[in-house]
Every structure is written in structure tokens, then in C-alpha cells.
Protein backbone atom coordinates (compact mmCIF):
# COMPACT_ATOMS: atom_id res chain seq x y z
CA MET A 1 -23.87 37.36 2.75
CA VAL A 2 -20.51 38.08 1.15
CA ALA A 3 -21.29 41.74 0.46
CA THR A 4 -22.22 42.37 4.09
CA VAL A 5 -18.85 41.11 5.30
CA LEU A 6 -16.81 42.81 2.58
CA LEU A 7 -18.61 46.16 2.95
CA ARG A 8 -16.85 46.48 6.31
CA TYR A 9 -13.73 47.24 4.26
CA GLY A 10 -15.39 49.95 2.18
CA ALA A 11 -17.80 50.26 -0.71
CA LEU A 12 -15.29 49.39 -3.43
CA VAL A 13 -14.05 46.23 -1.71
CA GLY A 14 -17.58 45.18 -0.81
CA VAL A 15 -19.13 45.70 -4.21
CA VAL A 16 -16.27 44.45 -6.38
CA GLY A 17 -15.33 41.60 -4.05
CA SER A 18 -18.84 40.22 -3.80
CA ALA A 19 -19.35 40.63 -7.57
CA VAL A 20 -16.21 38.59 -8.24
CA VAL A 21 -17.43 35.84 -5.88
CA PHE A 22 -20.86 35.93 -7.57
CA ALA A 23 -19.28 35.65 -11.03
CA LEU A 24 -16.96 32.81 -10.03
CA MET A 25 -19.89 30.90 -8.54
CA HIS A 26 -21.38 30.89 -12.06
CA GLY A 27 -18.22 29.20 -13.33
CA ILE A 28 -15.22 30.18 -15.38
CA ASN A 29 -16.85 30.13 -18.81
CA GLU A 30 -18.47 32.43 -21.35
CA VAL A 31 -21.00 33.61 -18.75
CA LEU A 32 -18.30 35.08 -16.47
CA PRO A 33 -18.26 38.66 -17.89
CA ALA A 34 -22.05 38.97 -17.78
CA ALA A 35 -22.17 37.44 -14.29
CA LEU A 36 -19.57 39.96 -13.13
CA ILE A 37 -21.68 42.87 -14.42
CA VAL A 38 -24.85 41.46 -12.87
CA GLY A 39 -22.91 40.93 -9.63
CA LEU A 40 -21.66 44.52 -9.63
CA ILE A 41 -25.16 45.89 -10.15
CA GLY A 42 -26.68 43.55 -7.56
CA ALA A 43 -24.05 44.38 -4.96
CA GLU A 44 -24.51 48.10 -5.52
CA LEU A 45 -28.27 47.72 -5.23
CA TYR A 46 -27.72 45.90 -1.94
CA ARG A 47 -25.29 48.54 -0.69
CA ARG A 48 -27.68 51.38 -1.47
CA SER A 49 -30.92 49.75 -0.32
CA GLY A 50 -29.75 47.49 2.50
CA SER A 51 -31.97 44.74 1.09
CA ILE A 52 -31.23 41.79 -1.18
CA TRP A 53 -34.62 42.03 -2.90
CA PRO A 54 -33.77 44.71 -5.51
CA GLY A 55 -30.84 42.54 -6.61
CA VAL A 56 -32.98 39.41 -6.66
CA LEU A 57 -35.53 41.20 -8.84
CA MET A 58 -32.81 42.51 -11.15
CA HIS A 59 -31.32 39.00 -11.46
CA ALA A 60 -34.74 37.52 -12.27
CA VAL A 61 -35.42 40.16 -14.93
CA TYR A 62 -31.97 39.61 -16.46
CA ASN A 63 -32.51 35.85 -16.56
CA ALA A 64 -35.98 36.28 -18.11
CA ILE A 65 -34.62 38.58 -20.83
CA SER A 66 -31.72 36.20 -21.52
CA LEU A 67 -34.07 33.24 -21.77
CA GLY A 68 -36.41 35.18 -24.08
CA LEU A 69 -33.55 36.15 -26.38
CA LEU A 70 -32.29 32.57 -26.43
CA ALA A 71 -35.80 31.35 -27.36
CA LEU A 72 -36.02 33.94 -30.15
CA ALA A 73 -32.63 32.89 -31.50
CA ALA A 74 -33.73 29.23 -31.46
CA LEU A 75 -36.91 30.10 -33.35
CA ALA A 76 -34.97 32.08 -35.94
CA ALA A 77 -32.56 29.21 -36.60
């Protein structure tokens, strides 16, 4: 895991570095800012808990909310 390796260089490098990698893996597009924020939160959850599962849950909830809002916008159009 990227965060595990980067956390060897400190919390700031680990969290920000892994969030940037996470965001870039989602592509350089309109999703990048949101992916960076989700990556920051997920990396910090990992750093504090030592487990990937809080971040996985947060990512799933974020995706579900995003999908729900997209569906609502489609219905309203």
C-alpha cells in the first residue's frame, strides 16, 4: 500500500503523497479535486486506525451518495 511506504517519511508525506497517487489513479479530469479530498480522508483514516477498512467504508459511502445525487439530478431533468 502506498500510504504504508510513504508513512515511513512522516504523517504529512504519507497522507498527502498517497492521496495524490489515489487522485491521479482516478484520472486527470473533473473528478480529481474530489478524489484528492477522498484520498486525504482515507489516508488519514488508515494512519489513525492502521486498517484500510474505515477508508474502504468511507469510499463506498461517498460513491453511494454521489450515485444517488446523480440519479436525482437525472430524474429532475
